Full PDB file with SEQRES, HELIX, SHEET, SSBOND, CRYST1, ORIGX, SCALE, CONECT and MASTER records, all heavy atoms in Angstrom:
SEQRES   1 A   42  VAL VAL THR ALA ALA GLU MET ARG ASP LEU THR LEU LEU          
SEQRES   2 A   42  ARG THR GLU THR ALA VAL GLU VAL PRO ALA HIS GLY VAL          
SEQRES   3 A   42  THR ALA ARG PHE GLY ALA GLN GLU VAL ILE VAL GLY LYS          
SEQRES   4 A   42  LEU ALA PHE                                                  
HELIX    1 AA1 VAL A    2  MET A    7  1                                   6    
SHEET    1 AA1 3 ALA A  18  VAL A  21  0                                        
SHEET    2 AA1 3 GLY A  25  PHE A  30 -1                                        
SHEET    3 AA1 3 GLN A  33  GLY A  38 -1                                        
CRYST1    1.000    1.000    1.000  90.00  90.00  90.00 P 1           1          
ORIGX1      1.000000  0.000000  0.000000        0.00000                         
ORIGX2      0.000000  1.000000  0.000000        0.00000                         
ORIGX3      0.000000  0.000000  1.000000        0.00000                         
SCALE1      1.000000  0.000000  0.000000        0.00000                         
SCALE2      0.000000  1.000000  0.000000        0.00000                         
SCALE3      0.000000  0.000000  1.000000        0.00000                         
ATOM      1  N   VAL A   1      14.784   0.078  -0.802  1.00  0.00           N  
ATOM      2  CA  VAL A   1      14.361   1.041   0.222  1.00  0.00           C  
ATOM      3  C   VAL A   1      14.208   0.328   1.562  1.00  0.00           C  
ATOM      4  O   VAL A   1      14.655   0.823   2.606  1.00  0.00           O  
ATOM      5  CB  VAL A   1      13.055   1.731  -0.200  1.00  0.00           C  
ATOM      6  CG1 VAL A   1      12.552   2.650   0.915  1.00  0.00           C  
ATOM      7  CG2 VAL A   1      13.271   2.539  -1.482  1.00  0.00           C  
ATOM      8  N   VAL A   2      13.571  -0.827   1.535  1.00  0.00           N  
ATOM      9  CA  VAL A   2      13.368  -1.605   2.776  1.00  0.00           C  
ATOM     10  C   VAL A   2      14.729  -2.008   3.362  1.00  0.00           C  
ATOM     11  O   VAL A   2      14.956  -1.919   4.569  1.00  0.00           O  
ATOM     12  CB  VAL A   2      12.502  -2.831   2.509  1.00  0.00           C  
ATOM     13  CG1 VAL A   2      12.420  -3.720   3.749  1.00  0.00           C  
ATOM     14  CG2 VAL A   2      11.102  -2.404   2.061  1.00  0.00           C  
ATOM     15  N   THR A   3      15.645  -2.441   2.499  1.00  0.00           N  
ATOM     16  CA  THR A   3      16.977  -2.841   2.963  1.00  0.00           C  
ATOM     17  C   THR A   3      17.706  -1.676   3.612  1.00  0.00           C  
ATOM     18  O   THR A   3      18.367  -1.833   4.654  1.00  0.00           O  
ATOM     19  CB  THR A   3      17.800  -3.403   1.799  1.00  0.00           C  
ATOM     20  OG1 THR A   3      17.149  -4.545   1.253  1.00  0.00           O  
ATOM     21  CG2 THR A   3      19.206  -3.793   2.259  1.00  0.00           C  
ATOM     22  N   ALA A   4      17.601  -0.504   2.985  1.00  0.00           N  
ATOM     23  CA  ALA A   4      18.258   0.676   3.554  1.00  0.00           C  
ATOM     24  C   ALA A   4      17.725   1.001   4.941  1.00  0.00           C  
ATOM     25  O   ALA A   4      18.463   1.380   5.850  1.00  0.00           O  
ATOM     26  CB  ALA A   4      18.080   1.851   2.614  1.00  0.00           C  
ATOM     27  N   ALA A   5      16.401   0.845   5.114  1.00  0.00           N  
ATOM     28  CA  ALA A   5      15.807   1.096   6.438  1.00  0.00           C  
ATOM     29  C   ALA A   5      16.274   0.068   7.455  1.00  0.00           C  
ATOM     30  O   ALA A   5      16.566   0.406   8.610  1.00  0.00           O  
ATOM     31  CB  ALA A   5      14.289   1.079   6.325  1.00  0.00           C  
ATOM     32  N   GLU A   6      16.376  -1.184   7.057  1.00  0.00           N  
ATOM     33  CA  GLU A   6      16.828  -2.233   7.963  1.00  0.00           C  
ATOM     34  C   GLU A   6      18.278  -2.009   8.376  1.00  0.00           C  
ATOM     35  O   GLU A   6      18.666  -2.268   9.519  1.00  0.00           O  
ATOM     36  CB  GLU A   6      16.670  -3.589   7.302  1.00  0.00           C  
ATOM     37  CG  GLU A   6      15.216  -4.015   7.101  1.00  0.00           C  
ATOM     38  CD  GLU A   6      15.080  -5.301   6.325  1.00  0.00           C  
ATOM     39  OE1 GLU A   6      16.077  -5.733   5.696  1.00  0.00           O  
ATOM     40  OE2 GLU A   6      13.985  -5.888   6.319  1.00  0.00           O  
ATOM     41  N   MET A   7      19.103  -1.509   7.445  1.00  0.00           N  
ATOM     42  CA  MET A   7      20.496  -1.236   7.780  1.00  0.00           C  
ATOM     43  C   MET A   7      20.638  -0.127   8.814  1.00  0.00           C  
ATOM     44  O   MET A   7      21.630  -0.083   9.547  1.00  0.00           O  
ATOM     45  CB  MET A   7      21.261  -0.885   6.501  1.00  0.00           C  
ATOM     46  CG  MET A   7      21.431  -2.045   5.528  1.00  0.00           C  
ATOM     47  SD  MET A   7      22.306  -1.583   4.027  1.00  0.00           S  
ATOM     48  CE  MET A   7      23.938  -1.175   4.691  1.00  0.00           C  
ATOM     49  N   ARG A   8      19.632   0.748   8.885  1.00  0.00           N  
ATOM     50  CA  ARG A   8      19.651   1.800   9.897  1.00  0.00           C  
ATOM     51  C   ARG A   8      18.893   1.379  11.167  1.00  0.00           C  
ATOM     52  O   ARG A   8      18.643   2.204  12.057  1.00  0.00           O  
ATOM     53  CB  ARG A   8      19.034   3.090   9.337  1.00  0.00           C  
ATOM     54  CG  ARG A   8      19.793   3.680   8.168  1.00  0.00           C  
ATOM     55  CD  ARG A   8      19.309   5.099   7.883  1.00  0.00           C  
ATOM     56  NE  ARG A   8      19.940   5.676   6.697  1.00  0.00           N  
ATOM     57  CZ  ARG A   8      19.890   6.979   6.357  1.00  0.00           C  
ATOM     58  NH1 ARG A   8      19.199   7.829   7.168  1.00  0.00           N  
ATOM     59  NH2 ARG A   8      20.478   7.411   5.292  1.00  0.00           N  
ATOM     60  N   ASP A   9      18.479   0.111  11.205  1.00  0.00           N  
ATOM     61  CA  ASP A   9      17.732  -0.427  12.356  1.00  0.00           C  
ATOM     62  C   ASP A   9      16.430   0.336  12.615  1.00  0.00           C  
ATOM     63  O   ASP A   9      16.047   0.581  13.780  1.00  0.00           O  
ATOM     64  CB  ASP A   9      18.609  -0.407  13.625  1.00  0.00           C  
ATOM     65  CG  ASP A   9      19.786  -1.365  13.529  1.00  0.00           C  
ATOM     66  OD1 ASP A   9      19.606  -2.444  12.913  1.00  0.00           O  
ATOM     67  OD2 ASP A   9      20.867  -1.032  14.049  1.00  0.00           O  
ATOM     68  N   LEU A  10      15.756   0.736  11.551  1.00  0.00           N  
ATOM     69  CA  LEU A  10      14.479   1.447  11.681  1.00  0.00           C  
ATOM     70  C   LEU A  10      13.345   0.441  11.794  1.00  0.00           C  
ATOM     71  O   LEU A  10      13.364  -0.612  11.157  1.00  0.00           O  
ATOM     72  CB  LEU A  10      14.271   2.355  10.472  1.00  0.00           C  
ATOM     73  CG  LEU A  10      15.368   3.414  10.217  1.00  0.00           C  
ATOM     74  CD1 LEU A  10      15.048   4.223   8.977  1.00  0.00           C  
ATOM     75  CD2 LEU A  10      15.521   4.315  11.429  1.00  0.00           C  
ATOM     76  N   THR A  11      12.368   0.751  12.594  1.00  0.00           N  
ATOM     77  CA  THR A  11      11.207  -0.128  12.793  1.00  0.00           C  
ATOM     78  C   THR A  11      10.114   0.268  11.797  1.00  0.00           C  
ATOM     79  O   THR A  11       9.639   1.409  11.802  1.00  0.00           O  
ATOM     80  CB  THR A  11      10.667  -0.010  14.222  1.00  0.00           C  
ATOM     81  OG1 THR A  11      11.720  -0.362  15.137  1.00  0.00           O  
ATOM     82  CG2 THR A  11       9.481  -0.927  14.424  1.00  0.00           C  
ATOM     83  N   LEU A  12       9.718  -0.682  10.948  1.00  0.00           N  
ATOM     84  CA  LEU A  12       8.721  -0.382   9.931  1.00  0.00           C  
ATOM     85  C   LEU A  12       7.307  -0.476  10.501  1.00  0.00           C  
ATOM     86  O   LEU A  12       7.026  -1.269  11.408  1.00  0.00           O  
ATOM     87  CB  LEU A  12       8.868  -1.357   8.759  1.00  0.00           C  
ATOM     88  CG  LEU A  12      10.240  -1.404   8.057  1.00  0.00           C  
ATOM     89  CD1 LEU A  12      10.160  -2.260   6.800  1.00  0.00           C  
ATOM     90  CD2 LEU A  12      10.738  -0.014   7.738  1.00  0.00           C  
ATOM     91  N   LEU A  13       6.432   0.360   9.945  1.00  0.00           N  
ATOM     92  CA  LEU A  13       5.024   0.366  10.343  1.00  0.00           C  
ATOM     93  C   LEU A  13       4.264  -0.705   9.571  1.00  0.00           C  
ATOM     94  O   LEU A  13       4.621  -1.045   8.440  1.00  0.00           O  
ATOM     95  CB  LEU A  13       4.425   1.743  10.067  1.00  0.00           C  
ATOM     96  CG  LEU A  13       5.172   2.925  10.702  1.00  0.00           C  
ATOM     97  CD1 LEU A  13       4.535   4.239  10.263  1.00  0.00           C  
ATOM     98  CD2 LEU A  13       5.189   2.810  12.218  1.00  0.00           C  
ATOM     99  N   ARG A  14       3.218  -1.230  10.166  1.00  0.00           N  
ATOM    100  CA  ARG A  14       2.402  -2.267   9.521  1.00  0.00           C  
ATOM    101  C   ARG A  14       1.003  -1.746   9.258  1.00  0.00           C  
ATOM    102  O   ARG A  14       0.478  -0.913  10.005  1.00  0.00           O  
ATOM    103  CB  ARG A  14       2.326  -3.510  10.436  1.00  0.00           C  
ATOM    104  CG  ARG A  14       3.676  -4.117  10.781  1.00  0.00           C  
ATOM    105  CD  ARG A  14       4.311  -4.774   9.562  1.00  0.00           C  
ATOM    106  NE  ARG A  14       5.617  -5.324   9.868  1.00  0.00           N  
ATOM    107  CZ  ARG A  14       6.389  -5.952   8.996  1.00  0.00           C  
ATOM    108  NH1 ARG A  14       5.970  -6.076   7.744  1.00  0.00           N  
ATOM    109  NH2 ARG A  14       7.562  -6.432   9.353  1.00  0.00           N  
ATOM    110  N   THR A  15       0.427  -2.243   8.184  1.00  0.00           N  
ATOM    111  CA  THR A  15      -0.934  -1.854   7.845  1.00  0.00           C  
ATOM    112  C   THR A  15      -1.556  -2.906   6.946  1.00  0.00           C  
ATOM    113  O   THR A  15      -0.856  -3.684   6.291  1.00  0.00           O  
ATOM    114  CB  THR A  15      -0.961  -0.499   7.111  1.00  0.00           C  
ATOM    115  OG1 THR A  15      -2.344  -0.145   6.846  1.00  0.00           O  
ATOM    116  CG2 THR A  15      -0.226  -0.585   5.782  1.00  0.00           C  
ATOM    117  N   GLU A  16      -2.885  -2.918   6.946  1.00  0.00           N  
ATOM    118  CA  GLU A  16      -3.603  -3.781   6.009  1.00  0.00           C  
ATOM    119  C   GLU A  16      -4.184  -2.971   4.880  1.00  0.00           C  
ATOM    120  O   GLU A  16      -4.889  -3.491   4.016  1.00  0.00           O  
ATOM    121  CB  GLU A  16      -4.714  -4.541   6.744  1.00  0.00           C  
ATOM    122  CG  GLU A  16      -4.180  -5.523   7.807  1.00  0.00           C  
ATOM    123  CD  GLU A  16      -5.305  -6.246   8.501  1.00  0.00           C  
ATOM    124  OE1 GLU A  16      -6.483  -5.970   8.179  1.00  0.00           O  
ATOM    125  OE2 GLU A  16      -5.016  -7.106   9.366  1.00  0.00           O  
ATOM    126  N   THR A  17      -3.907  -1.668   4.887  1.00  0.00           N  
ATOM    127  CA  THR A  17      -4.424  -0.772   3.849  1.00  0.00           C  
ATOM    128  C   THR A  17      -3.272  -0.278   2.997  1.00  0.00           C  
ATOM    129  O   THR A  17      -2.685   0.770   3.293  1.00  0.00           O  
ATOM    130  CB  THR A  17      -5.173   0.408   4.478  1.00  0.00           C  
ATOM    131  OG1 THR A  17      -6.120  -0.077   5.422  1.00  0.00           O  
ATOM    132  CG2 THR A  17      -5.879   1.234   3.405  1.00  0.00           C  
ATOM    133  N   ALA A  18      -2.901  -1.046   1.995  1.00  0.00           N  
ATOM    134  CA  ALA A  18      -1.814  -0.679   1.092  1.00  0.00           C  
ATOM    135  C   ALA A  18      -2.175  -1.177  -0.302  1.00  0.00           C  
ATOM    136  O   ALA A  18      -2.590  -2.339  -0.472  1.00  0.00           O  
ATOM    137  CB  ALA A  18      -0.490  -1.265   1.536  1.00  0.00           C  
ATOM    138  N   VAL A  19      -2.043  -0.289  -1.278  1.00  0.00           N  
ATOM    139  CA  VAL A  19      -2.396  -0.618  -2.668  1.00  0.00           C  
ATOM    140  C   VAL A  19      -1.221  -0.220  -3.566  1.00  0.00           C  
ATOM    141  O   VAL A  19      -0.752   0.921  -3.508  1.00  0.00           O  
ATOM    142  CB  VAL A  19      -3.661   0.101  -3.134  1.00  0.00           C  
ATOM    143  CG1 VAL A  19      -3.959  -0.223  -4.584  1.00  0.00           C  
ATOM    144  CG2 VAL A  19      -4.840  -0.264  -2.239  1.00  0.00           C  
ATOM    145  N   GLU A  20      -0.757  -1.152  -4.388  1.00  0.00           N  
ATOM    146  CA  GLU A  20       0.304  -0.854  -5.356  1.00  0.00           C  
ATOM    147  C   GLU A  20      -0.301  -0.590  -6.725  1.00  0.00           C  
ATOM    148  O   GLU A  20      -1.146  -1.354  -7.194  1.00  0.00           O  
ATOM    149  CB  GLU A  20       1.312  -1.998  -5.444  1.00  0.00           C  
ATOM    150  CG  GLU A  20       2.429  -1.691  -6.443  1.00  0.00           C  
ATOM    151  CD  GLU A  20       3.467  -2.805  -6.532  1.00  0.00           C  
ATOM    152  OE1 GLU A  20       3.166  -3.938  -6.090  1.00  0.00           O  
ATOM    153  OE2 GLU A  20       4.586  -2.540  -7.040  1.00  0.00           O  
ATOM    154  N   VAL A  21       0.119   0.506  -7.339  1.00  0.00           N  
ATOM    155  CA  VAL A  21      -0.247   0.801  -8.714  1.00  0.00           C  
ATOM    156  C   VAL A  21       0.957   0.419  -9.569  1.00  0.00           C  
ATOM    157  O   VAL A  21       1.982   1.112  -9.525  1.00  0.00           O  
ATOM    158  CB  VAL A  21      -0.592   2.294  -8.913  1.00  0.00           C  
ATOM    159  CG1 VAL A  21      -0.976   2.540 -10.359  1.00  0.00           C  
ATOM    160  CG2 VAL A  21      -1.713   2.706  -7.967  1.00  0.00           C  
ATOM    161  N   PRO A  22       0.893  -0.675 -10.298  1.00  0.00           N  
ATOM    162  CA  PRO A  22       2.069  -1.161 -11.024  1.00  0.00           C  
ATOM    163  C   PRO A  22       2.710  -0.075 -11.876  1.00  0.00           C  
ATOM    164  O   PRO A  22       2.027   0.677 -12.571  1.00  0.00           O  
ATOM    165  CB  PRO A  22       1.509  -2.298 -11.894  1.00  0.00           C  
ATOM    166  CG  PRO A  22       0.309  -2.780 -11.140  1.00  0.00           C  
ATOM    167  CD  PRO A  22      -0.274  -1.562 -10.509  1.00  0.00           C  
ATOM    168  N   ALA A  23       4.065  -0.010 -11.806  1.00  0.00           N  
ATOM    169  CA  ALA A  23       4.879   0.929 -12.582  1.00  0.00           C  
ATOM    170  C   ALA A  23       4.711   2.372 -12.151  1.00  0.00           C  
ATOM    171  O   ALA A  23       5.241   3.268 -12.777  1.00  0.00           O  
ATOM    172  CB  ALA A  23       4.607   0.793 -14.073  1.00  0.00           C  
ATOM    173  N   HIS A  24       3.972   2.615 -11.069  1.00  0.00           N  
ATOM    174  CA  HIS A  24       3.803   3.997 -10.600  1.00  0.00           C  
ATOM    175  C   HIS A  24       4.188   4.169  -9.138  1.00  0.00           C  
ATOM    176  O   HIS A  24       4.979   5.051  -8.806  1.00  0.00           O  
ATOM    177  CB  HIS A  24       2.333   4.433 -10.791  1.00  0.00           C  
ATOM    178  CG  HIS A  24       1.968   4.623 -12.220  1.00  0.00           C  
ATOM    179  ND1 HIS A  24       1.572   3.593 -13.036  1.00  0.00           N  
ATOM    180  CD2 HIS A  24       1.971   5.744 -12.983  1.00  0.00           C  
ATOM    181  CE1 HIS A  24       1.333   4.061 -14.259  1.00  0.00           C  
ATOM    182  NE2 HIS A  24       1.569   5.365 -14.250  1.00  0.00           N  
ATOM    183  N   GLY A  25       3.659   3.358  -8.216  1.00  0.00           N  
ATOM    184  CA  GLY A  25       3.985   3.532  -6.819  1.00  0.00           C  
ATOM    185  C   GLY A  25       3.006   2.823  -5.904  1.00  0.00           C  
ATOM    186  O   GLY A  25       2.226   1.974  -6.329  1.00  0.00           O  
ATOM    187  N   VAL A  26       3.051   3.222  -4.620  1.00  0.00           N  
ATOM    188  CA  VAL A  26       2.233   2.576  -3.591  1.00  0.00           C  
ATOM    189  C   VAL A  26       1.518   3.650  -2.779  1.00  0.00           C  
ATOM    190  O   VAL A  26       2.086   4.693  -2.442  1.00  0.00           O  
ATOM    191  CB  VAL A  26       3.113   1.731  -2.643  1.00  0.00           C  
ATOM    192  CG1 VAL A  26       2.284   1.129  -1.507  1.00  0.00           C  
ATOM    193  CG2 VAL A  26       3.815   0.608  -3.419  1.00  0.00           C  
ATOM    194  N   THR A  27       0.252   3.341  -2.462  1.00  0.00           N  
ATOM    195  CA  THR A  27      -0.522   4.167  -1.524  1.00  0.00           C  
ATOM    196  C   THR A  27      -0.786   3.318  -0.277  1.00  0.00           C  
ATOM    197  O   THR A  27      -1.302   2.201  -0.389  1.00  0.00           O  
ATOM    198  CB  THR A  27      -1.846   4.598  -2.133  1.00  0.00           C  
ATOM    199  OG1 THR A  27      -1.584   5.381  -3.309  1.00  0.00           O  
ATOM    200  CG2 THR A  27      -2.642   5.442  -1.158  1.00  0.00           C  
ATOM    201  N   ALA A  28      -0.412   3.855   0.893  1.00  0.00           N  
ATOM    202  CA  ALA A  28      -0.602   3.101   2.128  1.00  0.00           C  
ATOM    203  C   ALA A  28      -1.111   4.027   3.220  1.00  0.00           C  
ATOM    204  O   ALA A  28      -0.810   5.233   3.226  1.00  0.00           O  
ATOM    205  CB  ALA A  28       0.701   2.441   2.552  1.00  0.00           C  
ATOM    206  N   ARG A  29      -1.859   3.474   4.165  1.00  0.00           N  
ATOM    207  CA  ARG A  29      -2.368   4.257   5.283  1.00  0.00           C  
ATOM    208  C   ARG A  29      -1.876   3.634   6.588  1.00  0.00           C  
ATOM    209  O   ARG A  29      -2.072   2.452   6.841  1.00  0.00           O  
ATOM    210  CB  ARG A  29      -3.894   4.319   5.264  1.00  0.00           C  
ATOM    211  CG  ARG A  29      -4.491   5.162   6.398  1.00  0.00           C  
ATOM    212  CD  ARG A  29      -5.972   5.391   6.189  1.00  0.00           C  
ATOM    213  NE  ARG A  29      -6.223   6.260   5.054  1.00  0.00           N  
ATOM    214  CZ  ARG A  29      -6.159   7.598   5.099  1.00  0.00           C  
ATOM    215  NH1 ARG A  29      -5.836   8.200   6.231  1.00  0.00           N  
ATOM    216  NH2 ARG A  29      -6.412   8.316   4.032  1.00  0.00           N  
ATOM    217  N   PHE A  30      -1.235   4.492   7.414  1.00  0.00           N  
ATOM    218  CA  PHE A  30      -0.736   4.065   8.705  1.00  0.00           C  
ATOM    219  C   PHE A  30      -1.433   4.915   9.769  1.00  0.00           C  
ATOM    220  O   PHE A  30      -1.073   6.068   9.986  1.00  0.00           O  
ATOM    221  CB  PHE A  30       0.784   4.260   8.782  1.00  0.00           C  
ATOM    222  CG  PHE A  30       1.538   3.528   7.699  1.00  0.00           C  
ATOM    223  CD1 PHE A  30       1.975   4.207   6.570  1.00  0.00           C  
ATOM    224  CD2 PHE A  30       1.770   2.164   7.803  1.00  0.00           C  
ATOM    225  CE1 PHE A  30       2.665   3.549   5.569  1.00  0.00           C  
ATOM    226  CE2 PHE A  30       2.456   1.495   6.795  1.00  0.00           C  
ATOM    227  CZ  PHE A  30       2.898   2.187   5.678  1.00  0.00           C  
ATOM    228  N   GLY A  31      -2.450   4.333  10.364  1.00  0.00           N  
ATOM    229  CA  GLY A  31      -3.264   5.089  11.296  1.00  0.00           C  
ATOM    230  C   GLY A  31      -3.975   6.208  10.568  1.00  0.00           C  
ATOM    231  O   GLY A  31      -4.719   5.976   9.608  1.00  0.00           O  
ATOM    232  N   ALA A  32      -3.741   7.448  10.977  1.00  0.00           N  
ATOM    233  CA  ALA A  32      -4.385   8.594  10.339  1.00  0.00           C  
ATOM    234  C   ALA A  32      -3.585   9.129   9.154  1.00  0.00           C  
ATOM    235  O   ALA A  32      -4.052  10.005   8.418  1.00  0.00           O  
ATOM    236  CB  ALA A  32      -4.617   9.706  11.363  1.00  0.00           C  
ATOM    237  N   GLN A  33      -2.365   8.632   8.958  1.00  0.00           N  
ATOM    238  CA  GLN A  33      -1.499   9.141   7.904  1.00  0.00           C  
ATOM    239  C   GLN A  33      -1.673   8.375   6.608  1.00  0.00           C  
ATOM    240  O   GLN A  33      -1.689   7.138   6.593  1.00  0.00           O  
ATOM    241  CB  GLN A  33      -0.024   9.053   8.321  1.00  0.00           C  
ATOM    242  CG  GLN A  33       0.453  10.157   9.256  1.00  0.00           C  
ATOM    243  CD  GLN A  33       1.951  10.055   9.500  1.00  0.00           C  
ATOM    244  OE1 GLN A  33       2.495   8.961   9.621  1.00  0.00           O  
ATOM    245  NE2 GLN A  33       2.619  11.201   9.553  1.00  0.00           N  
ATOM    246  N   GLU A  34      -1.754   9.126   5.486  1.00  0.00           N  
ATOM    247  CA  GLU A  34      -1.768   8.518   4.160  1.00  0.00           C  
ATOM    248  C   GLU A  34      -0.399   8.810   3.514  1.00  0.00           C  
ATOM    249  O   GLU A  34       0.005   9.961   3.377  1.00  0.00           O  
ATOM    250  CB  GLU A  34      -2.877   9.085   3.279  1.00  0.00           C  
ATOM    251  CG  GLU A  34      -2.924   8.412   1.904  1.00  0.00           C  
ATOM    252  CD  GLU A  34      -3.961   9.023   0.997  1.00  0.00           C  
ATOM    253  OE1 GLU A  34      -3.904  10.258   0.798  1.00  0.00           O  
ATOM    254  OE2 GLU A  34      -4.816   8.288   0.461  1.00  0.00           O  
ATOM    255  N   VAL A  35       0.280   7.730   3.110  1.00  0.00           N  
ATOM    256  CA  VAL A  35       1.620   7.863   2.522  1.00  0.00           C  
ATOM    257  C   VAL A  35       1.576   7.432   1.061  1.00  0.00           C  
ATOM    258  O   VAL A  35       1.066   6.347   0.747  1.00  0.00           O  
ATOM    259  CB  VAL A  35       2.642   6.992   3.309  1.00  0.00           C  
ATOM    260  CG1 VAL A  35       4.018   7.070   2.658  1.00  0.00           C  
ATOM    261  CG2 VAL A  35       2.710   7.449   4.761  1.00  0.00           C  
ATOM    262  N   ILE A  36       2.095   8.303   0.213  1.00  0.00           N  
ATOM    263  CA  ILE A  36       2.197   8.009  -1.215  1.00  0.00           C  
ATOM    264  C   ILE A  36       3.679   7.985  -1.574  1.00  0.00           C  
ATOM    265  O   ILE A  36       4.421   8.930  -1.286  1.00  0.00           O  
ATOM    266  CB  ILE A  36       1.492   9.090  -2.074  1.00  0.00           C  
ATOM    267  CG1 ILE A  36       0.082   9.379  -1.548  1.00  0.00           C  
ATOM    268  CG2 ILE A  36       1.478   8.672  -3.535  1.00  0.00           C  
ATOM    269  CD1 ILE A  36      -0.860   8.220  -1.686  1.00  0.00           C  
ATOM    270  N   VAL A  37       4.145   6.895  -2.212  1.00  0.00           N  
ATOM    271  CA  VAL A  37       5.542   6.779  -2.606  1.00  0.00           C  
ATOM    272  C   VAL A  37       5.607   6.229  -4.027  1.00  0.00           C  
ATOM    273  O   VAL A  37       4.862   5.331  -4.387  1.00  0.00           O  
ATOM    274  CB  VAL A  37       6.326   5.885  -1.634  1.00  0.00           C  
ATOM    275  CG1 VAL A  37       5.734   4.486  -1.565  1.00  0.00           C  
ATOM    276  CG2 VAL A  37       7.796   5.812  -2.019  1.00  0.00           C  
ATOM    277  N   GLY A  38       6.493   6.824  -4.852  1.00  0.00           N  
ATOM    278  CA  GLY A  38       6.643   6.336  -6.217  1.00  0.00           C  
ATOM    279  C   GLY A  38       7.199   7.404  -7.147  1.00  0.00           C  
ATOM    280  O   GLY A  38       7.991   8.256  -6.741  1.00  0.00           O  
ATOM    281  N   LYS A  39       6.759   7.375  -8.405  1.00  0.00           N  
ATOM    282  CA  LYS A  39       7.210   8.323  -9.420  1.00  0.00           C  
ATOM    283  C   LYS A  39       6.763   9.735  -9.071  1.00  0.00           C  
ATOM    284  O   LYS A  39       5.768   9.941  -8.366  1.00  0.00           O  
ATOM    285  CB  LYS A  39       6.650   7.950 -10.789  1.00  0.00           C  
ATOM    286  CG  LYS A  39       7.351   6.791 -11.490  1.00  0.00           C  
ATOM    287  CD  LYS A  39       6.737   6.600 -12.865  1.00  0.00           C  
ATOM    288  CE  LYS A  39       7.503   5.568 -13.677  1.00  0.00           C  
ATOM    289  NZ  LYS A  39       6.907   5.385 -15.021  1.00  0.00           N  
ATOM    290  N   LEU A  40       7.468  10.736  -9.647  1.00  0.00           N  
ATOM    291  CA  LEU A  40       7.111  12.126  -9.404  1.00  0.00           C  
ATOM    292  C   LEU A  40       5.689  12.415  -9.877  1.00  0.00           C  
ATOM    293  O   LEU A  40       4.900  13.054  -9.146  1.00  0.00           O  
ATOM    294  CB  LEU A  40       8.099  13.045 -10.113  1.00  0.00           C  
ATOM    295  CG  LEU A  40       7.802  14.549 -10.023  1.00  0.00           C  
ATOM    296  CD1 LEU A  40       7.793  15.025  -8.569  1.00  0.00           C  
ATOM    297  CD2 LEU A  40       8.794  15.348 -10.863  1.00  0.00           C  
ATOM    298  N   ALA A  41       5.324  11.969 -11.057  1.00  0.00           N  
ATOM    299  CA  ALA A  41       3.996  12.246 -11.581  1.00  0.00           C  
ATOM    300  C   ALA A  41       2.908  11.631 -10.716  1.00  0.00           C  
ATOM    301  O   ALA A  41       1.858  12.235 -10.480  1.00  0.00           O  
ATOM    302  CB  ALA A  41       3.878  11.721 -13.016  1.00  0.00           C  
ATOM    303  N   PHE A  42       3.166  10.425 -10.212  1.00  0.00           N  
ATOM    304  CA  PHE A  42       2.196   9.748  -9.359  1.00  0.00           C  
ATOM    305  C   PHE A  42       2.033  10.475  -8.022  1.00  0.00           C  
ATOM    306  O   PHE A  42       0.913  10.707  -7.543  1.00  0.00           O  
ATOM    307  CB  PHE A  42       2.674   8.315  -9.126  1.00  0.00           C  
ATOM    308  CG  PHE A  42       1.776   7.488  -8.241  1.00  0.00           C  
ATOM    309  CD1 PHE A  42       0.496   7.134  -8.646  1.00  0.00           C  
ATOM    310  CD2 PHE A  42       2.212   7.060  -6.993  1.00  0.00           C  
ATOM    311  CE1 PHE A  42      -0.328   6.371  -7.829  1.00  0.00           C  
ATOM    312  CE2 PHE A  42       1.405   6.293  -6.177  1.00  0.00           C  
ATOM    313  CZ  PHE A  42       0.133   5.948  -6.609  1.00  0.00           C  
TER     314      PHE A  42                                                      
MASTER        0    0    0    1    3    0    0    6  313    1    0    4          
END                                                                             
């Protein structure tokens, strides 16, 4: 996913609030936004 974004020259957001749930996905906060990425169930 990161490689695909780099190939499109997209600028990634940075945060110190990111938690990975192994085998399920990642929860991250970018400013006021909370982003959840991973499996459908998660």
